[in-house]
Amino acid sequence: MIVHKINKITQLTAMIFTGVVLIELLTGKQLNNQFLYEILLSAFGAAVIKRSLFQGILFDSSFFKQAVYLIAVWVYCILCNYLFNWGLTIEGIASILAIVIILYIAIRLLTYQFDKAEVKKMNERLEKKEDKKIHSKSPK
């Protein structure tokens, strides 16, 4: 169970990190190692916030709870701005909310596809298991 949680946090951290790095590169920003480590730490924190708020599937949660998550991640990004001295302006802080929402939608779509594939694999395994039971019980 704990391995599954760590796996999900790692997967979400990687998706958030990749999304932020892509946005930074597309906007023409220079990325140094220190900034990449800061983004990685920030992505990990956002993933932990998600796992703390949502124990089950995110899609089953209420709109209010998802809005709370988005606001929590936005506030966390503002906190990271001060902790890591990113020097964001008011416009930059406001744009973080848009980036958080865009990444949230993109990651939801990706995780939905991953979950669909995982469910498909589990269903195939169950069908194989049922087929084996049926064939082993049939008279010879």
Protein backbone atom coordinates (compact mmCIF):
# COMPACT_ATOMS: atom_id res chain seq x y z
CA MET A 1 0.00 0.00 0.00
CA ILE A 2 2.75 2.47 0.91
CA VAL A 3 4.68 1.53 -2.21
CA HIS A 4 1.59 2.34 -4.28
CA LYS A 5 1.31 5.78 -2.61
CA ILE A 6 4.99 6.51 -3.19
CA ASN A 7 4.62 5.41 -6.81
CA LYS A 8 1.63 7.74 -7.32
CA ILE A 9 3.42 10.69 -5.66
CA THR A 10 6.50 10.07 -7.80
CA GLN A 11 4.41 9.80 -10.97
CA LEU A 12 2.55 13.03 -10.22
CA THR A 13 5.78 14.81 -9.27
CA ALA A 14 7.31 13.83 -12.60
CA MET A 15 4.26 15.07 -14.53
CA ILE A 16 4.17 18.42 -12.69
CA PHE A 17 7.93 18.88 -13.04
CA THR A 18 7.84 18.09 -16.76
CA GLY A 19 4.91 20.42 -17.33
CA VAL A 20 6.54 23.33 -15.50
CA VAL A 21 9.88 22.82 -17.25
CA LEU A 22 8.15 22.71 -20.64
CA ILE A 23 6.26 25.92 -19.89
CA GLU A 24 9.47 27.59 -18.73
CA LEU A 25 11.33 26.50 -21.86
CA LEU A 26 8.49 27.54 -24.17
CA THR A 27 8.47 31.00 -22.62
CA GLY A 28 12.21 31.31 -23.33
CA LYS A 29 13.50 31.24 -19.78
CA GLN A 30 16.98 30.04 -18.94
CA LEU A 31 17.00 27.11 -16.55
CA ASN A 32 19.95 26.46 -14.27
CA ASN A 33 20.45 23.48 -11.99
CA GLN A 34 19.38 25.32 -8.85
CA PHE A 35 16.11 26.41 -10.47
CA LEU A 36 15.44 22.85 -11.67
CA TYR A 37 15.96 21.52 -8.14
CA GLU A 38 13.59 24.18 -6.81
CA ILE A 39 10.95 23.20 -9.39
CA LEU A 40 11.42 19.53 -8.51
CA LEU A 41 10.94 20.26 -4.81
CA SER A 42 7.89 22.39 -5.59
CA ALA A 43 6.42 19.64 -7.78
CA PHE A 44 6.97 17.10 -5.01
CA GLY A 45 5.18 19.37 -2.54
CA ALA A 46 2.22 19.78 -4.90
CA ALA A 47 2.03 15.99 -5.31
CA VAL A 48 2.06 15.49 -1.54
CA ILE A 49 -0.72 18.08 -1.17
CA LYS A 50 -2.77 16.13 -3.72
CA ARG A 51 -2.24 12.82 -1.91
CA SER A 52 -3.11 14.49 1.41
CA LEU A 53 -6.38 15.94 0.15
CA PHE A 54 -7.46 13.07 -2.08
CA GLN A 55 -7.09 9.53 -0.82
CA GLY A 56 -9.07 8.04 -3.68
CA ILE A 57 -9.59 8.96 -7.28
CA LEU A 58 -9.53 12.69 -7.97
CA PHE A 59 -12.43 12.46 -10.42
CA ASP A 60 -14.74 11.20 -7.67
CA SER A 61 -14.10 14.24 -5.51
CA SER A 62 -16.40 17.24 -5.32
CA PHE A 63 -15.79 20.39 -7.33
CA PHE A 64 -15.27 22.27 -4.05
CA LYS A 65 -12.50 19.90 -2.96
CA GLN A 66 -10.79 20.20 -6.35
CA ALA A 67 -11.02 24.01 -6.16
CA VAL A 68 -9.48 23.88 -2.68
CA TYR A 69 -6.65 21.78 -4.13
CA LEU A 70 -6.01 24.31 -6.91
CA ILE A 71 -5.97 27.18 -4.44
CA ALA A 72 -3.70 25.22 -2.08
CA VAL A 73 -1.22 24.55 -4.89
CA TRP A 74 -1.36 28.20 -5.97
CA VAL A 75 -0.66 29.36 -2.40
CA TYR A 76 2.11 26.77 -2.21
CA CYS A 77 3.64 28.24 -5.40
CA ILE A 78 3.45 31.72 -3.89
CA LEU A 79 5.19 30.38 -0.78
CA CYS A 80 7.88 28.81 -2.99
CA ASN A 81 8.31 32.20 -4.68
CA TYR A 82 9.33 33.66 -1.33
CA LEU A 83 11.27 30.62 -0.10
CA PHE A 84 13.36 30.31 -3.26
CA ASN A 85 13.46 34.05 -3.99
CA TRP A 86 12.13 33.68 -7.53
CA GLY A 87 11.25 37.38 -7.61
CA LEU A 88 7.85 37.02 -9.25
CA THR A 89 5.84 40.18 -9.80
CA ILE A 90 2.14 40.47 -9.01
CA GLU A 91 1.42 39.61 -12.66
CA GLY A 92 3.71 36.59 -12.37
CA ILE A 93 1.93 35.40 -9.25
CA ALA A 94 -1.42 35.84 -10.99
CA SER A 95 -0.16 33.93 -14.03
CA ILE A 96 0.86 31.05 -11.78
CA LEU A 97 -2.85 30.44 -11.14
CA ALA A 98 -3.43 30.07 -14.88
CA ILE A 99 -0.44 27.73 -15.15
CA VAL A 100 -1.70 25.68 -12.19
CA ILE A 101 -5.12 25.32 -13.84
CA ILE A 102 -3.62 24.40 -17.24
CA LEU A 103 -1.29 21.82 -15.68
CA TYR A 104 -4.15 20.49 -13.56
CA ILE A 105 -6.31 19.88 -16.63
CA ALA A 106 -3.43 18.34 -18.60
CA ILE A 107 -2.42 16.05 -15.74
CA ARG A 108 -6.03 15.01 -15.13
CA LEU A 109 -6.30 13.99 -18.76
CA LEU A 110 -3.02 12.07 -18.60
CA THR A 111 -3.86 10.31 -15.35
CA TYR A 112 -7.28 9.44 -16.73
CA GLN A 113 -5.58 7.73 -19.68
CA PHE A 114 -3.19 5.90 -17.32
CA ASP A 115 -6.07 4.81 -15.10
CA LYS A 116 -8.04 3.59 -18.12
CA ALA A 117 -5.07 1.50 -19.27
CA GLU A 118 -4.59 0.12 -15.74
CA VAL A 119 -8.27 -0.83 -15.48
CA LYS A 120 -8.09 -2.51 -18.89
CA LYS A 121 -5.10 -4.59 -17.76
CA MET A 122 -6.87 -5.57 -14.54
CA ASN A 123 -9.99 -6.59 -16.46
CA GLU A 124 -7.89 -8.71 -18.82
CA ARG A 125 -6.24 -10.41 -15.85
CA LEU A 126 -9.63 -11.11 -14.27
CA GLU A 127 -10.95 -12.55 -17.53
CA LYS A 128 -7.92 -14.84 -17.83
CA LYS A 129 -8.35 -15.93 -14.23
CA GLU A 130 -12.05 -16.66 -14.80
CA ASP A 131 -11.24 -18.57 -17.99
CA LYS A 132 -8.76 -20.73 -16.09
CA LYS A 133 -11.37 -21.45 -13.40
CA ILE A 134 -13.97 -22.37 -15.99
CA HIS A 135 -11.59 -24.65 -17.90
CA SER A 136 -10.30 -26.33 -14.73
CA LYS A 137 -13.87 -27.05 -13.49
CA SER A 138 -15.21 -28.43 -16.76
CA PRO A 139 -15.50 -32.25 -16.84
CA LYS A 140 -13.01 -34.13 -18.96
